[in-house]
Amino acid sequence: MQHGSSIPSCALHSSPAARSRSSAQAWICAACVMLTTAVVCDLARAAYPERPVRFIVPFAPGGTNDIVARLFGGKLSAQWNQAVVIDNRGGAGGVIGTDAAAKAAPDGYTLLMANINFATNPSMMSNLRYDTIKDFAPVSLLATSPTVLVVHPSLPMKSVQDLIAYAKANPGKLTYATSGAGSTTHIAMELLAYLTGIQMVPVHYKGGGPALIDLLAGRVSPAFTTILSVMPHIEAGRLRALAVSTTKRSAALPQLPTVAEAGVAGYEFTGWWGLVVAARTPPAIINKLNADLASVGAEADVRDRLKREGAEPMHTTPDEFRAFIRSEVGKWSKVIKAANISESR
């Protein structure tokens, strides 16, 4: 009877051929593991979403963020055969809803509508509870748009120069509407004030919807707002449009000059909307979301609706959107510092 190790001697002194077979078997096993993992990821990607998806809009209902979210959310719902529930969480210039999205499970079942606030809040808010870059995974841009400078018809100005002259003659008398501190509507007007030296008082609302209500009532005026939200009111004469904020005229309002054309050299502002999810969301889900958004954005009725309202449909890769966000954060931090813009101003 042999004592000691019970390991067969053939295992200790295997032939080169045996060792080759063992190596081949190990490689096959590793390949099987990788293939199985890939199949599981593909199945997870194909199955998503298996339940309703929450789409957080960090502003009140009725504004442009809400309009764009409902347009894309409705199409995704039909495509997925799952409910996409719009969750309007307005307040603090978009911080409340954005913070909720940052703390959501990274599983693709909570989406966030991001706009310029997403890029300006890091420079305006001293105590953000989330990190704009680290706590989110970009998916894609959805659309871009000029903002349009409007006044209530009760005011006498018919041009940008009229507005500037009135504001200089009456410093601090005009109160302009914003959809929140650091929002598109806030930064666009503060940029105008910075370049022209005029003084106006911002009135911050919890979103574009509430701001538009008071603007239409004449309780605040002027305002920079999106063509998407005010086109019907311009056409009906309830608001008077003076200029658009981009360097090129808008196809939706070709008769309007740009602010730069109207005499404010160097003025340029473009609004944007995009979709982000919580950081650490699986790449397979991000890629599926990106592909599905591309499909929705290519639909003729979606593109026609956006263009009719003055917005330009957009689609990017996640990496392209990440680079865009970083660029916007850097760009507007300089403007915010130079113009001394804060969360209260």
Foldseek 3Di string as FASTA:
>chain_A
DDDDDPPDVCVVVPDPVVVVVVVVVVVVVVVVVVVVVVVVLVVLLVCPPVAEAEEEEQFDPQAPLNVLCCLLQVLVCVVNVYHYHYHYNFDLLSLVRVVVQLPDPLARRYKYKDKLSLQQVVLFPPDRPDDSQAWWFFQKWFWKFWWWKKAFVVDDDQAPVSVLVVQVVPAAPAEEEDQAARDLFNLLVLLVCLLSVGHYHYDYHRGPRVSVVCRLVNVHDIITGTLLNCVVCCVVNSMRTHAIQAPAHFPLCNVHHHVCVRPRPPGHDMMTIGMMGTPPNDPSNSNSVLVSSVVSLPDPVNQCSQSNSGMHTTTDGSVVVSVVSVVSNVVVSVVCVSSVGHNND
